[in-house]
């Protein structure tokens, strides 16, 4: 009798460990659209730069969308990088350039970023340039 009670208790506890979880599908579907901005390159390797010589890096993009694109903000990842960009709207089919000037003051390998915010993308685009600052010859 005691073993029967233990068996029933074990069976009951075993069945209680199974739970039914309702299968809820997320009712929100996200539409994935391609960006109306096509970058020539998102990462540029500038190679070796002589120490103390500023280096201009240019990121080019084309507006492949159907409406104009406005660059609303551009900033470098540190004070060693100055930025400039096209202030006018970029019409469909036209190209524009984001300029970054790296102050090669410190010797060694570096990787820096430039963050670009536009009127057509919710998430800013992070562009990267890298290289190595070497002693002047």
C-alpha atoms as a PDB file:
ATOM      1  CA  UNK A   1       0.000   0.000   0.000  1.00  0.00           C
ATOM      2  CA  UNK A   2       2.832   2.365   0.891  1.00  0.00           C
ATOM      3  CA  UNK A   3       4.566   1.690  -2.453  1.00  0.00           C
ATOM      4  CA  UNK A   4       1.298   2.351  -4.299  1.00  0.00           C
ATOM      5  CA  UNK A   5       0.985   5.769  -2.624  1.00  0.00           C
ATOM      6  CA  UNK A   6       4.606   6.577  -3.471  1.00  0.00           C
ATOM      7  CA  UNK A   7       4.048   5.465  -7.086  1.00  0.00           C
ATOM      8  CA  UNK A   8       0.914   7.621  -7.419  1.00  0.00           C
ATOM      9  CA  UNK A   9       2.732  10.560  -5.855  1.00  0.00           C
ATOM     10  CA  UNK A  10       5.693  10.108  -8.222  1.00  0.00           C
ATOM     11  CA  UNK A  11       3.341   9.856 -11.228  1.00  0.00           C
ATOM     12  CA  UNK A  12       1.430  12.966 -10.145  1.00  0.00           C
ATOM     13  CA  UNK A  13       4.602  14.979  -9.647  1.00  0.00           C
ATOM     14  CA  UNK A  14       5.950  13.741 -12.971  1.00  0.00           C
ATOM     15  CA  UNK A  15       2.807  14.803 -14.826  1.00  0.00           C
ATOM     16  CA  UNK A  16       2.835  18.189 -13.100  1.00  0.00           C
ATOM     17  CA  UNK A  17       6.311  18.870 -14.492  1.00  0.00           C
ATOM     18  CA  UNK A  18       4.871  19.043 -18.003  1.00  0.00           C
ATOM     19  CA  UNK A  19       3.254  22.308 -18.800  1.00  0.00           C
ATOM     20  CA  UNK A  20       1.360  23.506 -21.780  1.00  0.00           C
ATOM     21  CA  UNK A  21       2.696  26.727 -23.207  1.00  0.00           C
ATOM     22  CA  UNK A  22       0.414  28.438 -25.662  1.00  0.00           C
ATOM     23  CA  UNK A  23       2.020  29.104 -29.021  1.00  0.00           C
ATOM     24  CA  UNK A  24       1.625  32.840 -29.529  1.00  0.00           C
ATOM     25  CA  UNK A  25       2.980  34.194 -32.757  1.00  0.00           C
ATOM     26  CA  UNK A  26       4.201  37.728 -32.684  1.00  0.00           C
ATOM     27  CA  UNK A  27       1.517  39.749 -34.413  1.00  0.00           C
ATOM     28  CA  UNK A  28       3.995  42.445 -35.347  1.00  0.00           C
ATOM     29  CA  UNK A  29       5.806  41.766 -38.588  1.00  0.00           C
ATOM     30  CA  UNK A  30       8.737  43.895 -39.516  1.00  0.00           C
ATOM     31  CA  UNK A  31       9.237  44.725 -43.147  1.00  0.00           C
ATOM     32  CA  UNK A  32      12.851  44.647 -44.169  1.00  0.00           C
ATOM     33  CA  UNK A  33      13.680  47.243 -46.747  1.00  0.00           C
ATOM     34  CA  UNK A  34      16.967  47.916 -48.405  1.00  0.00           C
ATOM     35  CA  UNK A  35      18.713  51.178 -47.739  1.00  0.00           C
ATOM     36  CA  UNK A  36      18.439  53.925 -50.343  1.00  0.00           C
ATOM     37  CA  UNK A  37      22.132  54.627 -49.699  1.00  0.00           C
ATOM     38  CA  UNK A  38      24.771  52.517 -51.404  1.00  0.00           C
ATOM     39  CA  UNK A  39      28.266  52.994 -49.950  1.00  0.00           C
ATOM     40  CA  UNK A  40      31.281  52.520 -52.219  1.00  0.00           C
ATOM     41  CA  UNK A  41      33.119  51.189 -49.154  1.00  0.00           C
ATOM     42  CA  UNK A  42      32.206  51.121 -45.463  1.00  0.00           C
ATOM     43  CA  UNK A  43      35.756  50.280 -44.357  1.00  0.00           C
ATOM     44  CA  UNK A  44      38.930  51.863 -45.731  1.00  0.00           C
ATOM     45  CA  UNK A  45      42.471  50.727 -44.992  1.00  0.00           C
ATOM     46  CA  UNK A  46      44.701  53.783 -45.405  1.00  0.00           C
ATOM     47  CA  UNK A  47      47.922  51.816 -44.954  1.00  0.00           C
ATOM     48  CA  UNK A  48      50.904  53.589 -43.408  1.00  0.00           C
ATOM     49  CA  UNK A  49      50.805  57.300 -42.591  1.00  0.00           C
ATOM     50  CA  UNK A  50      53.878  59.324 -41.581  1.00  0.00           C
ATOM     51  CA  UNK A  51      53.551  60.634 -38.025  1.00  0.00           C
ATOM     52  CA  UNK A  52      52.353  64.244 -37.837  1.00  0.00           C
ATOM     53  CA  UNK A  53      50.867  64.184 -41.362  1.00  0.00           C
ATOM     54  CA  UNK A  54      47.067  64.525 -41.459  1.00  0.00           C
ATOM     55  CA  UNK A  55      45.366  61.953 -43.697  1.00  0.00           C
ATOM     56  CA  UNK A  56      42.161  62.664 -45.653  1.00  0.00           C
ATOM     57  CA  UNK A  57      39.793  59.710 -45.968  1.00  0.00           C
ATOM     58  CA  UNK A  58      36.749  59.943 -48.265  1.00  0.00           C
ATOM     59  CA  UNK A  59      33.683  57.723 -48.006  1.00  0.00           C
ATOM     60  CA  UNK A  60      31.528  57.953 -51.118  1.00  0.00           C
ATOM     61  CA  UNK A  61      27.895  56.944 -51.401  1.00  0.00           C
ATOM     62  CA  UNK A  62      25.160  57.020 -54.013  1.00  0.00           C
ATOM     63  CA  UNK A  63      21.501  57.776 -53.409  1.00  0.00           C
ATOM     64  CA  UNK A  64      19.811  54.745 -54.985  1.00  0.00           C
ATOM     65  CA  UNK A  65      16.399  55.685 -53.588  1.00  0.00           C
ATOM     66  CA  UNK A  66      13.508  57.633 -55.090  1.00  0.00           C
ATOM     67  CA  UNK A  67      13.679  60.657 -52.778  1.00  0.00           C
ATOM     68  CA  UNK A  68      16.401  63.108 -51.793  1.00  0.00           C
ATOM     69  CA  UNK A  69      18.732  62.254 -48.919  1.00  0.00           C
ATOM     70  CA  UNK A  70      19.911  64.806 -46.370  1.00  0.00           C
ATOM     71  CA  UNK A  71      22.960  64.140 -44.221  1.00  0.00           C
ATOM     72  CA  UNK A  72      21.899  65.415 -40.810  1.00  0.00           C
ATOM     73  CA  UNK A  73      24.981  64.680 -38.701  1.00  0.00           C
ATOM     74  CA  UNK A  74      28.526  63.313 -39.011  1.00  0.00           C
ATOM     75  CA  UNK A  75      30.954  62.827 -36.144  1.00  0.00           C
ATOM     76  CA  UNK A  76      34.250  61.059 -35.571  1.00  0.00           C
ATOM     77  CA  UNK A  77      34.915  58.608 -32.768  1.00  0.00           C
ATOM     78  CA  UNK A  78      37.557  60.839 -31.198  1.00  0.00           C
ATOM     79  CA  UNK A  79      39.020  64.327 -31.252  1.00  0.00           C
ATOM     80  CA  UNK A  80      41.766  63.116 -33.595  1.00  0.00           C
ATOM     81  CA  UNK A  81      39.295  62.961 -36.506  1.00  0.00           C
ATOM     82  CA  UNK A  82      37.745  66.030 -38.132  1.00  0.00           C
ATOM     83  CA  UNK A  83      34.752  65.513 -40.421  1.00  0.00           C
ATOM     84  CA  UNK A  84      33.055  67.329 -43.282  1.00  0.00           C
ATOM     85  CA  UNK A  85      30.153  66.393 -45.528  1.00  0.00           C
ATOM     86  CA  UNK A  86      27.802  67.539 -48.270  1.00  0.00           C
ATOM     87  CA  UNK A  87      25.293  69.950 -46.732  1.00  0.00           C
ATOM     88  CA  UNK A  88      22.863  70.000 -49.690  1.00  0.00           C
ATOM     89  CA  UNK A  89      20.212  67.359 -50.325  1.00  0.00           C
ATOM     90  CA  UNK A  90      21.486  64.480 -52.470  1.00  0.00           C
ATOM     91  CA  UNK A  91      19.029  63.829 -55.294  1.00  0.00           C
ATOM     92  CA  UNK A  92      18.188  60.285 -56.435  1.00  0.00           C
ATOM     93  CA  UNK A  93      21.001  58.857 -58.557  1.00  0.00           C
ATOM     94  CA  UNK A  94      23.568  61.388 -57.290  1.00  0.00           C
ATOM     95  CA  UNK A  95      26.660  60.770 -55.167  1.00  0.00           C
ATOM     96  CA  UNK A  96      28.084  62.522 -52.116  1.00  0.00           C
ATOM     97  CA  UNK A  97      31.225  62.288 -50.017  1.00  0.00           C
ATOM     98  CA  UNK A  98      31.832  62.121 -46.282  1.00  0.00           C
ATOM     99  CA  UNK A  99      35.329  63.409 -45.465  1.00  0.00           C
ATOM    100  CA  UNK A 100      37.319  62.445 -42.396  1.00  0.00           C
ATOM    101  CA  UNK A 101      40.741  63.935 -41.695  1.00  0.00           C
ATOM    102  CA  UNK A 102      42.802  61.863 -39.281  1.00  0.00           C
ATOM    103  CA  UNK A 103      45.466  63.645 -37.215  1.00  0.00           C
ATOM    104  CA  UNK A 104      48.258  61.072 -37.230  1.00  0.00           C
ATOM    105  CA  UNK A 105      49.907  62.286 -34.020  1.00  0.00           C
ATOM    106  CA  UNK A 106      50.376  58.966 -32.207  1.00  0.00           C
ATOM    107  CA  UNK A 107      52.468  56.174 -33.661  1.00  0.00           C
ATOM    108  CA  UNK A 108      51.043  52.688 -34.025  1.00  0.00           C
ATOM    109  CA  UNK A 109      48.084  50.815 -35.436  1.00  0.00           C
ATOM    110  CA  UNK A 110      44.696  52.545 -35.278  1.00  0.00           C
ATOM    111  CA  UNK A 111      41.045  51.902 -36.105  1.00  0.00           C
ATOM    112  CA  UNK A 112      38.638  54.849 -36.033  1.00  0.00           C
ATOM    113  CA  UNK A 113      34.992  55.324 -36.912  1.00  0.00           C
ATOM    114  CA  UNK A 114      32.803  58.023 -38.400  1.00  0.00           C
ATOM    115  CA  UNK A 115      29.082  57.917 -37.608  1.00  0.00           C
ATOM    116  CA  UNK A 116      26.728  59.267 -40.284  1.00  0.00           C
ATOM    117  CA  UNK A 117      23.077  60.126 -39.652  1.00  0.00           C
ATOM    118  CA  UNK A 118      20.755  60.744 -42.614  1.00  0.00           C
ATOM    119  CA  UNK A 119      17.143  61.679 -43.202  1.00  0.00           C
ATOM    120  CA  UNK A 120      16.302  58.278 -44.719  1.00  0.00           C
ATOM    121  CA  UNK A 121      17.684  55.769 -42.213  1.00  0.00           C
ATOM    122  CA  UNK A 122      16.614  55.245 -38.613  1.00  0.00           C
ATOM    123  CA  UNK A 123      19.965  53.787 -37.557  1.00  0.00           C
ATOM    124  CA  UNK A 124      23.145  55.815 -38.109  1.00  0.00           C
ATOM    125  CA  UNK A 125      25.762  54.241 -40.406  1.00  0.00           C
ATOM    126  CA  UNK A 126      29.153  53.595 -38.810  1.00  0.00           C
ATOM    127  CA  UNK A 127      32.050  53.841 -41.253  1.00  0.00           C
ATOM    128  CA  UNK A 128      35.529  52.596 -40.348  1.00  0.00           C
ATOM    129  CA  UNK A 129      39.050  53.514 -41.372  1.00  0.00           C
ATOM    130  CA  UNK A 130      42.246  51.933 -40.165  1.00  0.00           C
ATOM    131  CA  UNK A 131      45.964  52.040 -40.715  1.00  0.00           C
ATOM    132  CA  UNK A 132      49.308  52.493 -39.048  1.00  0.00           C
ATOM    133  CA  UNK A 133      51.138  55.680 -38.101  1.00  0.00           C
ATOM    134  CA  UNK A 134      54.878  55.300 -38.658  1.00  0.00           C
ATOM    135  CA  UNK A 135      57.913  57.512 -38.001  1.00  0.00           C
ATOM    136  CA  UNK A 136      58.660  60.085 -40.682  1.00  0.00           C
ATOM    137  CA  UNK A 137      61.391  58.972 -43.042  1.00  0.00           C
END
